[in-house]
Amino acid sequence: MRDHAAATLVERIRQDQRAAMKQGYRVELSELRTILARIANAEAVPVSETINSTSGPIAGATAGVGSTEMPRRELSLADVRDAIAEEIDEIDRALTGVDPASRHAGELAEKREVARRYLPGD
């Protein structure tokens, strides 16, 4: 799947997600889901590497069960951390357009702190 360190980090995020779900930590749970989705998207094979479709009765269709399945990319620890850092950057950009005293700003700041837990030195 991925290198051991990357798999360990992703498993830690999944465990924290389960704990947040059990504790009812809505904002933390939302951010952990977002991080895991970002990692899953990073594992996706680029469209240019997908299987070419065959001609048939349906344009662009491929034949056979699983014929469109592609193996996922293997991510290194650096790749996983990059995905998390991109999430933090996106939160920071969102914070620039929000009233600092608003509830939304507080939620974004909380999400940023959740994401930072998974980067070294933060």
PDB file of N, CA and C in Angstrom:
ATOM      1  N   MET A   1       0.839  -1.197   0.000  1.00  0.00           N
ATOM      2  CA  MET A   1       0.000   0.000   0.000  1.00  0.00           C
ATOM      3  C   MET A   1       0.878   1.252   0.000  1.00  0.00           C
ATOM      4  N   ARG A   2       1.500   1.590   1.113  1.00  0.00           N
ATOM      5  CA  ARG A   2       2.423   2.722   1.211  1.00  0.00           C
ATOM      6  C   ARG A   2       3.594   2.274   2.058  1.00  0.00           C
ATOM      7  N   ASP A   3       4.572   3.160   2.159  1.00  0.00           N
ATOM      8  CA  ASP A   3       5.669   2.808   3.046  1.00  0.00           C
ATOM      9  C   ASP A   3       5.146   2.753   4.480  1.00  0.00           C
ATOM     10  N   HIS A   4       5.899   2.092   5.331  1.00  0.00           N
ATOM     11  CA  HIS A   4       5.448   1.814   6.695  1.00  0.00           C
ATOM     12  C   HIS A   4       5.121   3.096   7.467  1.00  0.00           C
ATOM     13  N   ALA A   5       5.981   4.103   7.375  1.00  0.00           N
ATOM     14  CA  ALA A   5       5.758   5.353   8.111  1.00  0.00           C
ATOM     15  C   ALA A   5       4.480   6.043   7.636  1.00  0.00           C
ATOM     16  N   ALA A   6       4.235   6.029   6.337  1.00  0.00           N
ATOM     17  CA  ALA A   6       3.022   6.636   5.799  1.00  0.00           C
ATOM     18  C   ALA A   6       1.792   5.867   6.275  1.00  0.00           C
ATOM     19  N   ALA A   7       1.859   4.549   6.220  1.00  0.00           N
ATOM     20  CA  ALA A   7       0.733   3.722   6.663  1.00  0.00           C
ATOM     21  C   ALA A   7       0.455   3.930   8.150  1.00  0.00           C
ATOM     22  N   THR A   8       1.512   4.086   8.936  1.00  0.00           N
ATOM     23  CA  THR A   8       1.358   4.318  10.370  1.00  0.00           C
ATOM     24  C   THR A   8       0.660   5.654  10.623  1.00  0.00           C
ATOM     25  N   LEU A   9       1.049   6.686   9.893  1.00  0.00           N
ATOM     26  CA  LEU A   9       0.426   7.999  10.054  1.00  0.00           C
ATOM     27  C   LEU A   9      -1.045   7.960   9.653  1.00  0.00           C
ATOM     28  N   VAL A  10      -1.350   7.326   8.544  1.00  0.00           N
ATOM     29  CA  VAL A  10      -2.742   7.238   8.094  1.00  0.00           C
ATOM     30  C   VAL A  10      -3.575   6.439   9.102  1.00  0.00           C
ATOM     31  N   GLU A  11      -3.023   5.380   9.631  1.00  0.00           N
ATOM     32  CA  GLU A  11      -3.740   4.594  10.644  1.00  0.00           C
ATOM     33  C   GLU A  11      -3.986   5.420  11.903  1.00  0.00           C
ATOM     34  N   ARG A  12      -3.017   6.232  12.290  1.00  0.00           N
ATOM     35  CA  ARG A  12      -3.196   7.118  13.457  1.00  0.00           C
ATOM     36  C   ARG A  12      -4.343   8.098  13.205  1.00  0.00           C
ATOM     37  N   ILE A  13      -4.420   8.639  12.001  1.00  0.00           N
ATOM     38  CA  ILE A  13      -5.507   9.559  11.659  1.00  0.00           C
ATOM     39  C   ILE A  13      -6.845   8.818  11.721  1.00  0.00           C
ATOM     40  N   ARG A  14      -6.889   7.596  11.222  1.00  0.00           N
ATOM     41  CA  ARG A  14      -8.138   6.804  11.269  1.00  0.00           C
ATOM     42  C   ARG A  14      -8.553   6.506  12.707  1.00  0.00           C
ATOM     43  N   GLN A  15      -7.588   6.178  13.554  1.00  0.00           N
ATOM     44  CA  GLN A  15      -7.905   5.926  14.961  1.00  0.00           C
ATOM     45  C   GLN A  15      -8.435   7.185  15.631  1.00  0.00           C
ATOM     46  N   ASP A  16      -7.808   8.314  15.336  1.00  0.00           N
ATOM     47  CA  ASP A  16      -8.282   9.586  15.886  1.00  0.00           C
ATOM     48  C   ASP A  16      -9.675   9.925  15.360  1.00  0.00           C
ATOM     49  N   GLN A  17      -9.953   9.545  14.121  1.00  0.00           N
ATOM     50  CA  GLN A  17     -11.277   9.766  13.547  1.00  0.00           C
ATOM     51  C   GLN A  17     -12.325   8.960  14.324  1.00  0.00           C
ATOM     52  N   ARG A  18     -12.014   7.698  14.598  1.00  0.00           N
ATOM     53  CA  ARG A  18     -12.958   6.871  15.360  1.00  0.00           C
ATOM     54  C   ARG A  18     -13.181   7.450  16.758  1.00  0.00           C
ATOM     55  N   ALA A  19     -12.119   7.918  17.394  1.00  0.00           N
ATOM     56  CA  ALA A  19     -12.239   8.507  18.726  1.00  0.00           C
ATOM     57  C   ALA A  19     -13.078   9.783  18.685  1.00  0.00           C
ATOM     58  N   ALA A  20     -12.863  10.621  17.686  1.00  0.00           N
ATOM     59  CA  ALA A  20     -13.637  11.857  17.554  1.00  0.00           C
ATOM     60  C   ALA A  20     -15.113  11.550  17.325  1.00  0.00           C
ATOM     61  N   MET A  21     -15.378  10.488  16.568  1.00  0.00           N
ATOM     62  CA  MET A  21     -16.753  10.083  16.315  1.00  0.00           C
ATOM     63  C   MET A  21     -17.414   9.645  17.629  1.00  0.00           C
ATOM     64  N   LYS A  22     -16.713   8.834  18.397  1.00  0.00           N
ATOM     65  CA  LYS A  22     -17.269   8.342  19.665  1.00  0.00           C
ATOM     66  C   LYS A  22     -17.484   9.470  20.660  1.00  0.00           C
ATOM     67  N   GLN A  23     -16.578  10.450  20.666  1.00  0.00           N
ATOM     68  CA  GLN A  23     -16.671  11.559  21.607  1.00  0.00           C
ATOM     69  C   GLN A  23     -17.617  12.662  21.145  1.00  0.00           C
ATOM     70  N   GLY A  24     -18.024  12.609  19.879  1.00  0.00           N
ATOM     71  CA  GLY A  24     -18.933  13.620  19.358  1.00  0.00           C
ATOM     72  C   GLY A  24     -18.252  14.941  19.029  1.00  0.00           C
ATOM     73  N   TYR A  25     -16.955  14.881  18.714  1.00  0.00           N
ATOM     74  CA  TYR A  25     -16.207  16.089  18.347  1.00  0.00           C
ATOM     75  C   TYR A  25     -16.438  16.378  16.870  1.00  0.00           C
ATOM     76  N   ARG A  26     -17.483  17.141  16.595  1.00  0.00           N
ATOM     77  CA  ARG A  26     -17.955  17.368  15.236  1.00  0.00           C
ATOM     78  C   ARG A  26     -16.918  18.027  14.334  1.00  0.00           C
ATOM     79  N   VAL A  27     -16.287  19.099  14.795  1.00  0.00           N
ATOM     80  CA  VAL A  27     -15.328  19.828  13.956  1.00  0.00           C
ATOM     81  C   VAL A  27     -14.089  18.976  13.701  1.00  0.00           C
ATOM     82  N   GLU A  28     -13.585  18.330  14.739  1.00  0.00           N
ATOM     83  CA  GLU A  28     -12.417  17.455  14.582  1.00  0.00           C
ATOM     84  C   GLU A  28     -12.724  16.312  13.624  1.00  0.00           C
ATOM     85  N   LEU A  29     -13.876  15.699  13.770  1.00  0.00           N
ATOM     86  CA  LEU A  29     -14.276  14.603  12.895  1.00  0.00           C
ATOM     87  C   LEU A  29     -14.347  15.064  11.447  1.00  0.00           C
ATOM     88  N   SER A  30     -14.915  16.230  11.228  1.00  0.00           N
ATOM     89  CA  SER A  30     -15.017  16.776   9.875  1.00  0.00           C
ATOM     90  C   SER A  30     -13.628  16.959   9.263  1.00  0.00           C
ATOM     91  N   GLU A  31     -12.698  17.508  10.029  1.00  0.00           N
ATOM     92  CA  GLU A  31     -11.354  17.742   9.498  1.00  0.00           C
ATOM     93  C   GLU A  31     -10.620  16.431   9.233  1.00  0.00           C
ATOM     94  N   LEU A  32     -10.762  15.465  10.106  1.00  0.00           N
ATOM     95  CA  LEU A  32     -10.097  14.175   9.896  1.00  0.00           C
ATOM     96  C   LEU A  32     -10.646  13.491   8.647  1.00  0.00           C
ATOM     97  N   ARG A  33     -11.936  13.596   8.421  1.00  0.00           N
ATOM     98  CA  ARG A  33     -12.523  13.039   7.190  1.00  0.00           C
ATOM     99  C   ARG A  33     -11.952  13.747   5.960  1.00  0.00           C
ATOM    100  N   THR A  34     -11.810  15.056   6.055  1.00  0.00           N
ATOM    101  CA  THR A  34     -11.262  15.831   4.938  1.00  0.00           C
ATOM    102  C   THR A  34      -9.819  15.418   4.657  1.00  0.00           C
ATOM    103  N   ILE A  35      -9.032  15.252   5.699  1.00  0.00           N
ATOM    104  CA  ILE A  35      -7.633  14.841   5.531  1.00  0.00           C
ATOM    105  C   ILE A  35      -7.563  13.467   4.872  1.00  0.00           C
ATOM    106  N   LEU A  36      -8.363  12.523   5.351  1.00  0.00           N
ATOM    107  CA  LEU A  36      -8.352  11.171   4.773  1.00  0.00           C
ATOM    108  C   LEU A  36      -8.807  11.193   3.315  1.00  0.00           C
ATOM    109  N   ALA A  37      -9.766  12.045   2.985  1.00  0.00           N
ATOM    110  CA  ALA A  37     -10.211  12.171   1.594  1.00  0.00           C
ATOM    111  C   ALA A  37      -9.099  12.758   0.732  1.00  0.00           C
ATOM    112  N   ARG A  38      -8.377  13.723   1.269  1.00  0.00           N
ATOM    113  CA  ARG A  38      -7.262  14.329   0.529  1.00  0.00           C
ATOM    114  C   ARG A  38      -6.175  13.287   0.254  1.00  0.00           C
ATOM    115  N   ILE A  39      -5.910  12.437   1.236  1.00  0.00           N
ATOM    116  CA  ILE A  39      -4.916  11.377   1.063  1.00  0.00           C
ATOM    117  C   ILE A  39      -5.403  10.381   0.013  1.00  0.00           C
ATOM    118  N   ALA A  40      -6.675  10.003   0.085  1.00  0.00           N
ATOM    119  CA  ALA A  40      -7.239   9.076  -0.910  1.00  0.00           C
ATOM    120  C   ALA A  40      -7.162   9.677  -2.309  1.00  0.00           C
ATOM    121  N   ASN A  41      -7.418  10.967  -2.432  1.00  0.00           N
ATOM    122  CA  ASN A  41      -7.316  11.622  -3.740  1.00  0.00           C
ATOM    123  C   ASN A  41      -5.878  11.621  -4.238  1.00  0.00           C
ATOM    124  N   ALA A  42      -4.928  11.769  -3.341  1.00  0.00           N
ATOM    125  CA  ALA A  42      -3.514  11.740  -3.739  1.00  0.00           C
ATOM    126  C   ALA A  42      -3.121  10.351  -4.244  1.00  0.00           C
ATOM    127  N   GLU A  43      -3.806   9.320  -3.760  1.00  0.00           N
ATOM    128  CA  GLU A  43      -3.523   7.950  -4.203  1.00  0.00           C
ATOM    129  C   GLU A  43      -4.122   7.640  -5.576  1.00  0.00           C
ATOM    130  N   ALA A  44      -5.058   8.455  -6.010  1.00  0.00           N
ATOM    131  CA  ALA A  44      -5.735   8.198  -7.281  1.00  0.00           C
ATOM    132  C   ALA A  44      -4.766   8.318  -8.450  1.00  0.00           C
ATOM    133  N   VAL A  45      -4.958   7.469  -9.411  1.00  0.00           N
ATOM    134  CA  VAL A  45      -4.136   7.479 -10.618  1.00  0.00           C
ATOM    135  C   VAL A  45      -4.614   8.622 -11.503  1.00  0.00           C
ATOM    136  N   PRO A  46      -3.710   9.427 -12.048  1.00  0.00           N
ATOM    137  CA  PRO A  46      -4.140  10.506 -12.951  1.00  0.00           C
ATOM    138  C   PRO A  46      -4.932   9.965 -14.132  1.00  0.00           C
ATOM    139  N   VAL A  47      -5.847  10.758 -14.624  1.00  0.00           N
ATOM    140  CA  VAL A  47      -6.730  10.344 -15.711  1.00  0.00           C
ATOM    141  C   VAL A  47      -5.939   9.900 -16.935  1.00  0.00           C
ATOM    142  N   SER A  48      -4.819  10.525 -17.208  1.00  0.00           N
ATOM    143  CA  SER A  48      -4.029  10.170 -18.394  1.00  0.00           C
ATOM    144  C   SER A  48      -3.479   8.753 -18.328  1.00  0.00           C
ATOM    145  N   GLU A  49      -3.454   8.158 -17.134  1.00  0.00           N
ATOM    146  CA  GLU A  49      -2.934   6.803 -16.981  1.00  0.00           C
ATOM    147  C   GLU A  49      -4.030   5.747 -16.949  1.00  0.00           C
ATOM    148  N   THR A  50      -5.287   6.138 -17.110  1.00  0.00           N
ATOM    149  CA  THR A  50      -6.382   5.184 -17.034  1.00  0.00           C
ATOM    150  C   THR A  50      -6.466   4.353 -18.304  1.00  0.00           C
ATOM    151  N   ILE A  51      -7.240   3.303 -18.220  1.00  0.00           N
ATOM    152  CA  ILE A  51      -7.408   2.377 -19.343  1.00  0.00           C
ATOM    153  C   ILE A  51      -8.196   3.054 -20.459  1.00  0.00           C
ATOM    154  N   ASN A  52      -7.764   2.866 -21.677  1.00  0.00           N
ATOM    155  CA  ASN A  52      -8.504   3.397 -22.823  1.00  0.00           C
ATOM    156  C   ASN A  52      -9.777   2.594 -23.011  1.00  0.00           C
ATOM    157  N   SER A  53     -10.826   3.301 -23.389  1.00  0.00           N
ATOM    158  CA  SER A  53     -12.096   2.623 -23.573  1.00  0.00           C
ATOM    159  C   SER A  53     -12.115   1.885 -24.916  1.00  0.00           C
ATOM    160  N   THR A  54     -13.012   0.934 -24.990  1.00  0.00           N
ATOM    161  CA  THR A  54     -13.182   0.173 -26.233  1.00  0.00           C
ATOM    162  C   THR A  54     -14.408   0.694 -26.950  1.00  0.00           C
ATOM    163  N   SER A  55     -14.436   0.483 -28.238  1.00  0.00           N
ATOM    164  CA  SER A  55     -15.633   0.900 -28.960  1.00  0.00           C
ATOM    165  C   SER A  55     -16.678  -0.193 -28.790  1.00  0.00           C
ATOM    166  N   GLY A  56     -17.880   0.205 -28.701  1.00  0.00           N
ATOM    167  CA  GLY A  56     -18.975  -0.738 -28.514  1.00  0.00           C
ATOM    168  C   GLY A  56     -20.287   0.010 -28.557  1.00  0.00           C
ATOM    169  N   PRO A  57     -21.336  -0.618 -28.046  1.00  0.00           N
ATOM    170  CA  PRO A  57     -22.646   0.013 -28.120  1.00  0.00           C
ATOM    171  C   PRO A  57     -22.757   1.288 -27.283  1.00  0.00           C
ATOM    172  N   ILE A  58     -21.903   1.423 -26.260  1.00  0.00           N
ATOM    173  CA  ILE A  58     -21.929   2.628 -25.429  1.00  0.00           C
ATOM    174  C   ILE A  58     -20.593   3.338 -25.604  1.00  0.00           C
ATOM    175  N   ALA A  59     -20.630   4.563 -26.048  1.00  0.00           N
ATOM    176  CA  ALA A  59     -19.399   5.321 -26.296  1.00  0.00           C
ATOM    177  C   ALA A  59     -18.600   5.474 -25.015  1.00  0.00           C
ATOM    178  N   GLY A  60     -17.320   5.141 -25.083  1.00  0.00           N
ATOM    179  CA  GLY A  60     -16.439   5.292 -23.939  1.00  0.00           C
ATOM    180  C   GLY A  60     -16.512   4.181 -22.920  1.00  0.00           C
ATOM    181  N   ALA A  61     -17.307   3.158 -23.178  1.00  0.00           N
ATOM    182  CA  ALA A  61     -17.458   2.070 -22.219  1.00  0.00           C
ATOM    183  C   ALA A  61     -16.306   1.080 -22.351  1.00  0.00           C
ATOM    184  N   THR A  62     -16.024   0.373 -21.279  1.00  0.00           N
ATOM    185  CA  THR A  62     -15.043  -0.705 -21.320  1.00  0.00           C
ATOM    186  C   THR A  62     -15.764  -2.005 -21.010  1.00  0.00           C
ATOM    187  N   ALA A  63     -15.189  -3.091 -21.460  1.00  0.00           N
ATOM    188  CA  ALA A  63     -15.857  -4.386 -21.311  1.00  0.00           C
ATOM    189  C   ALA A  63     -15.281  -5.153 -20.124  1.00  0.00           C
ATOM    190  N   GLY A  64     -16.155  -5.858 -19.431  1.00  0.00           N
ATOM    191  CA  GLY A  64     -15.726  -6.761 -18.376  1.00  0.00           C
ATOM    192  C   GLY A  64     -15.780  -6.157 -16.988  1.00  0.00           C
ATOM    193  N   VAL A  65     -16.055  -7.024 -16.021  1.00  0.00           N
ATOM    194  CA  VAL A  65     -16.112  -6.601 -14.627  1.00  0.00           C
ATOM    195  C   VAL A  65     -14.715  -6.175 -14.183  1.00  0.00           C
ATOM    196  N   GLY A  66     -14.629  -5.014 -13.573  1.00  0.00           N
ATOM    197  CA  GLY A  66     -13.361  -4.521 -13.069  1.00  0.00           C
ATOM    198  C   GLY A  66     -12.427  -3.979 -14.133  1.00  0.00           C
ATOM    199  N   SER A  67     -12.914  -3.858 -15.355  1.00  0.00           N
ATOM    200  CA  SER A  67     -12.036  -3.425 -16.442  1.00  0.00           C
ATOM    201  C   SER A  67     -11.589  -1.974 -16.291  1.00  0.00           C
ATOM    202  N   THR A  68     -12.286  -1.221 -15.485  1.00  0.00           N
ATOM    203  CA  THR A  68     -11.898   0.176 -15.293  1.00  0.00           C
ATOM    204  C   THR A  68     -11.134   0.399 -13.992  1.00  0.00           C
ATOM    205  N   GLU A  69     -10.906  -0.655 -13.244  1.00  0.00           N
ATOM    206  CA  GLU A  69     -10.179  -0.537 -11.986  1.00  0.00           C
ATOM    207  C   GLU A  69      -8.696  -0.320 -12.247  1.00  0.00           C
ATOM    208  N   MET A  70      -8.116   0.582 -11.497  1.00  0.00           N
ATOM    209  CA  MET A  70      -6.683   0.864 -11.613  1.00  0.00           C
ATOM    210  C   MET A  70      -6.065   0.740 -10.220  1.00  0.00           C
ATOM    211  N   PRO A  71      -4.835   0.276 -10.150  1.00  0.00           N
ATOM    212  CA  PRO A  71      -4.180   0.243  -8.842  1.00  0.00           C
ATOM    213  C   PRO A  71      -3.954   1.661  -8.343  1.00  0.00           C
ATOM    214  N   ARG A  72      -4.013   1.826  -7.026  1.00  0.00           N
ATOM    215  CA  ARG A  72      -3.797   3.138  -6.430  1.00  0.00           C
ATOM    216  C   ARG A  72      -2.306   3.443  -6.414  1.00  0.00           C
ATOM    217  N   ARG A  73      -1.959   4.722  -6.384  1.00  0.00           N
ATOM    218  CA  ARG A  73      -0.565   5.124  -6.243  1.00  0.00           C
ATOM    219  C   ARG A  73      -0.108   4.811  -4.826  1.00  0.00           C
ATOM    220  N   GLU A  74       1.133   4.429  -4.686  1.00  0.00           N
ATOM    221  CA  GLU A  74       1.704   4.214  -3.355  1.00  0.00           C
ATOM    222  C   GLU A  74       2.297   5.532  -2.886  1.00  0.00           C
ATOM    223  N   LEU A  75       1.863   5.988  -1.724  1.00  0.00           N
ATOM    224  CA  LEU A  75       2.320   7.264  -1.205  1.00  0.00           C
ATOM    225  C   LEU A  75       3.442   7.077  -0.194  1.00  0.00           C
ATOM    226  N   SER A  76       4.393   7.964  -0.248  1.00  0.00           N
ATOM    227  CA  SER A  76       5.449   7.991   0.759  1.00  0.00           C
ATOM    228  C   SER A  76       4.960   8.839   1.938  1.00  0.00           C
ATOM    229  N   LEU A  77       5.716   8.842   3.005  1.00  0.00           N
ATOM    230  CA  LEU A  77       5.384   9.686   4.146  1.00  0.00           C
ATOM    231  C   LEU A  77       5.364  11.153   3.713  1.00  0.00           C
ATOM    232  N   ALA A  78       6.302  11.540   2.863  1.00  0.00           N
ATOM    233  CA  ALA A  78       6.343  12.923   2.369  1.00  0.00           C
ATOM    234  C   ALA A  78       5.079  13.259   1.578  1.00  0.00           C
ATOM    235  N   ASP A  79       4.581  12.319   0.782  1.00  0.00           N
ATOM    236  CA  ASP A  79       3.346  12.542   0.017  1.00  0.00           C
ATOM    237  C   ASP A  79       2.157  12.767   0.951  1.00  0.00           C
ATOM    238  N   VAL A  80       2.067  11.958   2.001  1.00  0.00           N
ATOM    239  CA  VAL A  80       0.967  12.089   2.961  1.00  0.00           C
ATOM    240  C   VAL A  80       1.065  13.434   3.677  1.00  0.00           C
ATOM    241  N   ARG A  81       2.275  13.785   4.095  1.00  0.00           N
ATOM    242  CA  ARG A  81       2.460  15.077   4.770  1.00  0.00           C
ATOM    243  C   ARG A  81       2.159  16.244   3.829  1.00  0.00           C
ATOM    244  N   ASP A  82       2.511  16.100   2.552  1.00  0.00           N
ATOM    245  CA  ASP A  82       2.194  17.142   1.570  1.00  0.00           C
ATOM    246  C   ASP A  82       0.686  17.341   1.450  1.00  0.00           C
ATOM    247  N   ALA A  83      -0.064  16.246   1.458  1.00  0.00           N
ATOM    248  CA  ALA A  83      -1.525  16.337   1.377  1.00  0.00           C
ATOM    249  C   ALA A  83      -2.078  17.074   2.593  1.00  0.00           C
ATOM    250  N   ILE A  84      -1.523  16.796   3.761  1.00  0.00           N
ATOM    251  CA  ILE A  84      -1.966  17.470   4.986  1.00  0.00           C
ATOM    252  C   ILE A  84      -1.579  18.946   4.941  1.00  0.00           C
ATOM    253  N   ALA A  85      -0.376  19.237   4.478  1.00  0.00           N
ATOM    254  CA  ALA A  85       0.076  20.631   4.375  1.00  0.00           C
ATOM    255  C   ALA A  85      -0.799  21.418   3.399  1.00  0.00           C
ATOM    256  N   GLU A  86      -1.216  20.785   2.303  1.00  0.00           N
ATOM    257  CA  GLU A  86      -2.116  21.445   1.355  1.00  0.00           C
ATOM    258  C   GLU A  86      -3.449  21.776   2.016  1.00  0.00           C
ATOM    259  N   GLU A  87      -3.923  20.887   2.876  1.00  0.00           N
ATOM    260  CA  GLU A  87      -5.168  21.138   3.601  1.00  0.00           C
ATOM    261  C   GLU A  87      -5.003  22.340   4.527  1.00  0.00           C
ATOM    262  N   ILE A  88      -3.888  22.415   5.219  1.00  0.00           N
ATOM    263  CA  ILE A  88      -3.634  23.550   6.107  1.00  0.00           C
ATOM    264  C   ILE A  88      -3.566  24.849   5.305  1.00  0.00           C
ATOM    265  N   ASP A  89      -2.899  24.807   4.148  1.00  0.00           N
ATOM    266  CA  ASP A  89      -2.831  25.996   3.288  1.00  0.00           C
ATOM    267  C   ASP A  89      -4.220  26.441   2.852  1.00  0.00           C
ATOM    268  N   GLU A  90      -5.066  25.490   2.524  1.00  0.00           N
ATOM    269  CA  GLU A  90      -6.428  25.827   2.100  1.00  0.00           C
ATOM    270  C   GLU A  90      -7.214  26.466   3.250  1.00  0.00           C
ATOM    271  N   ILE A  91      -7.038  25.944   4.441  1.00  0.00           N
ATOM    272  CA  ILE A  91      -7.704  26.525   5.615  1.00  0.00           C
ATOM    273  C   ILE A  91      -7.198  27.945   5.846  1.00  0.00           C
ATOM    274  N   ASP A  92      -5.881  28.134   5.733  1.00  0.00           N
ATOM    275  CA  ASP A  92      -5.308  29.474   5.920  1.00  0.00           C
ATOM    276  C   ASP A  92      -5.873  30.469   4.914  1.00  0.00           C
ATOM    277  N   ARG A  93      -6.019  30.034   3.661  1.00  0.00           N
ATOM    278  CA  ARG A  93      -6.601  30.912   2.634  1.00  0.00           C
ATOM    279  C   ARG A  93      -8.054  31.249   2.978  1.00  0.00           C
ATOM    280  N   ALA A  94      -8.783  30.262   3.476  1.00  0.00           N
ATOM    281  CA  ALA A  94     -10.177  30.497   3.848  1.00  0.00           C
ATOM    282  C   ALA A  94     -10.269  31.467   5.022  1.00  0.00           C
ATOM    283  N   LEU A  95      -9.327  31.378   5.929  1.00  0.00           N
ATOM    284  CA  LEU A  95      -9.338  32.260   7.104  1.00  0.00           C
ATOM    285  C   LEU A  95      -9.120  33.726   6.739  1.00  0.00           C
ATOM    286  N   THR A  96      -8.431  33.986   5.643  1.00  0.00           N
ATOM    287  CA  THR A  96      -8.168  35.381   5.268  1.00  0.00           C
ATOM    288  C   THR A  96      -9.442  36.122   4.876  1.00  0.00           C
ATOM    289  N   GLY A  97     -10.444  35.400   4.447  1.00  0.00           N
ATOM    290  CA  GLY A  97     -11.682  36.046   4.022  1.00  0.00           C
ATOM    291  C   GLY A  97     -12.804  35.972   5.030  1.00  0.00           C
ATOM    292  N   VAL A  98     -12.479  35.628   6.273  1.00  0.00           N
ATOM    293  CA  VAL A  98     -13.520  35.423   7.277  1.00  0.00           C
ATOM    294  C   VAL A  98     -13.314  36.408   8.432  1.00  0.00           C
ATOM    295  N   ASP A  99     -14.413  36.901   8.978  1.00  0.00           N
ATOM    296  CA  ASP A  99     -14.349  37.772  10.152  1.00  0.00           C
ATOM    297  C   ASP A  99     -13.723  36.977  11.302  1.00  0.00           C
ATOM    298  N   PRO A 100     -12.599  37.446  11.852  1.00  0.00           N
ATOM    299  CA  PRO A 100     -11.901  36.706  12.913  1.00  0.00           C
ATOM    300  C   PRO A 100     -12.762  36.423  14.142  1.00  0.00           C
ATOM    301  N   ALA A 101     -13.782  37.230  14.363  1.00  0.00           N
ATOM    302  CA  ALA A 101     -14.636  37.026  15.537  1.00  0.00           C
ATOM    303  C   ALA A 101     -15.793  36.067  15.273  1.00  0.00           C
ATOM    304  N   SER A 102     -15.916  35.590  14.054  1.00  0.00           N
ATOM    305  CA  SER A 102     -17.058  34.733  13.715  1.00  0.00           C
ATOM    306  C   SER A 102     -16.851  33.300  14.195  1.00  0.00           C
ATOM    307  N   ARG A 103     -17.962  32.609  14.322  1.00  0.00           N
ATOM    308  CA  ARG A 103     -17.915  31.194  14.703  1.00  0.00           C
ATOM    309  C   ARG A 103     -17.200  30.382  13.633  1.00  0.00           C
ATOM    310  N   HIS A 104     -17.408  30.746  12.370  1.00  0.00           N
ATOM    311  CA  HIS A 104     -16.764  30.036  11.258  1.00  0.00           C
ATOM    312  C   HIS A 104     -15.243  30.136  11.361  1.00  0.00           C
ATOM    313  N   ALA A 105     -14.732  31.312  11.719  1.00  0.00           N
ATOM    314  CA  ALA A 105     -13.286  31.480  11.887  1.00  0.00           C
ATOM    315  C   ALA A 105     -12.778  30.579  13.009  1.00  0.00           C
ATOM    316  N   GLY A 106     -13.544  30.458  14.062  1.00  0.00           N
ATOM    317  CA  GLY A 106     -13.158  29.580  15.168  1.00  0.00           C
ATOM    318  C   GLY A 106     -13.094  28.125  14.741  1.00  0.00           C
ATOM    319  N   GLU A 107     -14.067  27.707  13.930  1.00  0.00           N
ATOM    320  CA  GLU A 107     -14.066  26.337  13.425  1.00  0.00           C
ATOM    321  C   GLU A 107     -12.885  26.088  12.491  1.00  0.00           C
ATOM    322  N   LEU A 108     -12.603  27.060  11.625  1.00  0.00           N
ATOM    323  CA  LEU A 108     -11.467  26.905  10.724  1.00  0.00           C
ATOM    324  C   LEU A 108     -10.156  26.822  11.504  1.00  0.00           C
ATOM    325  N   ALA A 109     -10.017  27.653  12.521  1.00  0.00           N
ATOM    326  CA  ALA A 109      -8.805  27.619  13.341  1.00  0.00           C
ATOM    327  C   ALA A 109      -8.674  26.271  14.054  1.00  0.00           C
ATOM    328  N   GLU A 110      -9.799  25.736  14.518  1.00  0.00           N
ATOM    329  CA  GLU A 110      -9.780  24.423  15.175  1.00  0.00           C
ATOM    330  C   GLU A 110      -9.377  23.331  14.178  1.00  0.00           C
ATOM    331  N   LYS A 111      -9.908  23.416  12.968  1.00  0.00           N
ATOM    332  CA  LYS A 111      -9.553  22.439  11.939  1.00  0.00           C
ATOM    333  C   LYS A 111      -8.068  22.516  11.607  1.00  0.00           C
ATOM    334  N   ARG A 112      -7.539  23.733  11.536  1.00  0.00           N
ATOM    335  CA  ARG A 112      -6.116  23.904  11.250  1.00  0.00           C
ATOM    336  C   ARG A 112      -5.268  23.247  12.343  1.00  0.00           C
ATOM    337  N   GLU A 113      -5.673  23.404  13.593  1.00  0.00           N
ATOM    338  CA  GLU A 113      -4.921  22.794  14.699  1.00  0.00           C
ATOM    339  C   GLU A 113      -4.997  21.271  14.643  1.00  0.00           C
ATOM    340  N   VAL A 114      -6.145  20.744  14.256  1.00  0.00           N
ATOM    341  CA  VAL A 114      -6.280  19.291  14.101  1.00  0.00           C
ATOM    342  C   VAL A 114      -5.301  18.797  13.041  1.00  0.00           C
ATOM    343  N   ALA A 115      -5.262  19.461  11.900  1.00  0.00           N
ATOM    344  CA  ALA A 115      -4.373  19.043  10.807  1.00  0.00           C
ATOM    345  C   ALA A 115      -2.905  19.168  11.197  1.00  0.00           C
ATOM    346  N   ARG A 116      -2.572  20.200  11.917  1.00  0.00           N
ATOM    347  CA  ARG A 116      -1.166  20.427  12.320  1.00  0.00           C
ATOM    348  C   ARG A 116      -0.626  19.320  13.215  1.00  0.00           C
ATOM    349  N   ARG A 117      -1.500  18.628  13.916  1.00  0.00           N
ATOM    350  CA  ARG A 117      -1.041  17.538  14.792  1.00  0.00           C
ATOM    351  C   ARG A 117      -0.303  16.450  14.036  1.00  0.00           C
ATOM    352  N   TYR A 118      -0.549  16.354  12.740  1.00  0.00           N
ATOM    353  CA  TYR A 118       0.006  15.259  11.946  1.00  0.00           C
ATOM    354  C   TYR A 118       1.236  15.658  11.139  1.00  0.00           C
ATOM    355  N   LEU A 119       1.727  16.858  11.376  1.00  0.00           N
ATOM    356  CA  LEU A 119       2.970  17.298  10.722  1.00  0.00           C
ATOM    357  C   LEU A 119       4.069  17.410  11.763  1.00  0.00           C
ATOM    358  N   PRO A 120       5.307  17.130  11.374  1.00  0.00           N
ATOM    359  CA  PRO A 120       6.403  17.204  12.346  1.00  0.00           C
ATOM    360  C   PRO A 120       6.649  18.647  12.790  1.00  0.00           C
ATOM    361  N   GLY A 121       7.000  18.791  14.045  1.00  0.00           N
ATOM    362  CA  GLY A 121       7.337  20.103  14.564  1.00  0.00           C
ATOM    363  C   GLY A 121       6.161  20.992  14.860  1.00  0.00           C
ATOM    364  N   ASP A 122       4.964  20.498  14.646  1.00  0.00           N
ATOM    365  CA  ASP A 122       3.769  21.304  14.931  1.00  0.00           C
ATOM    366  C   ASP A 122       3.029  20.730  16.101  1.00  0.00           C
TER     367      ASP A 122
END
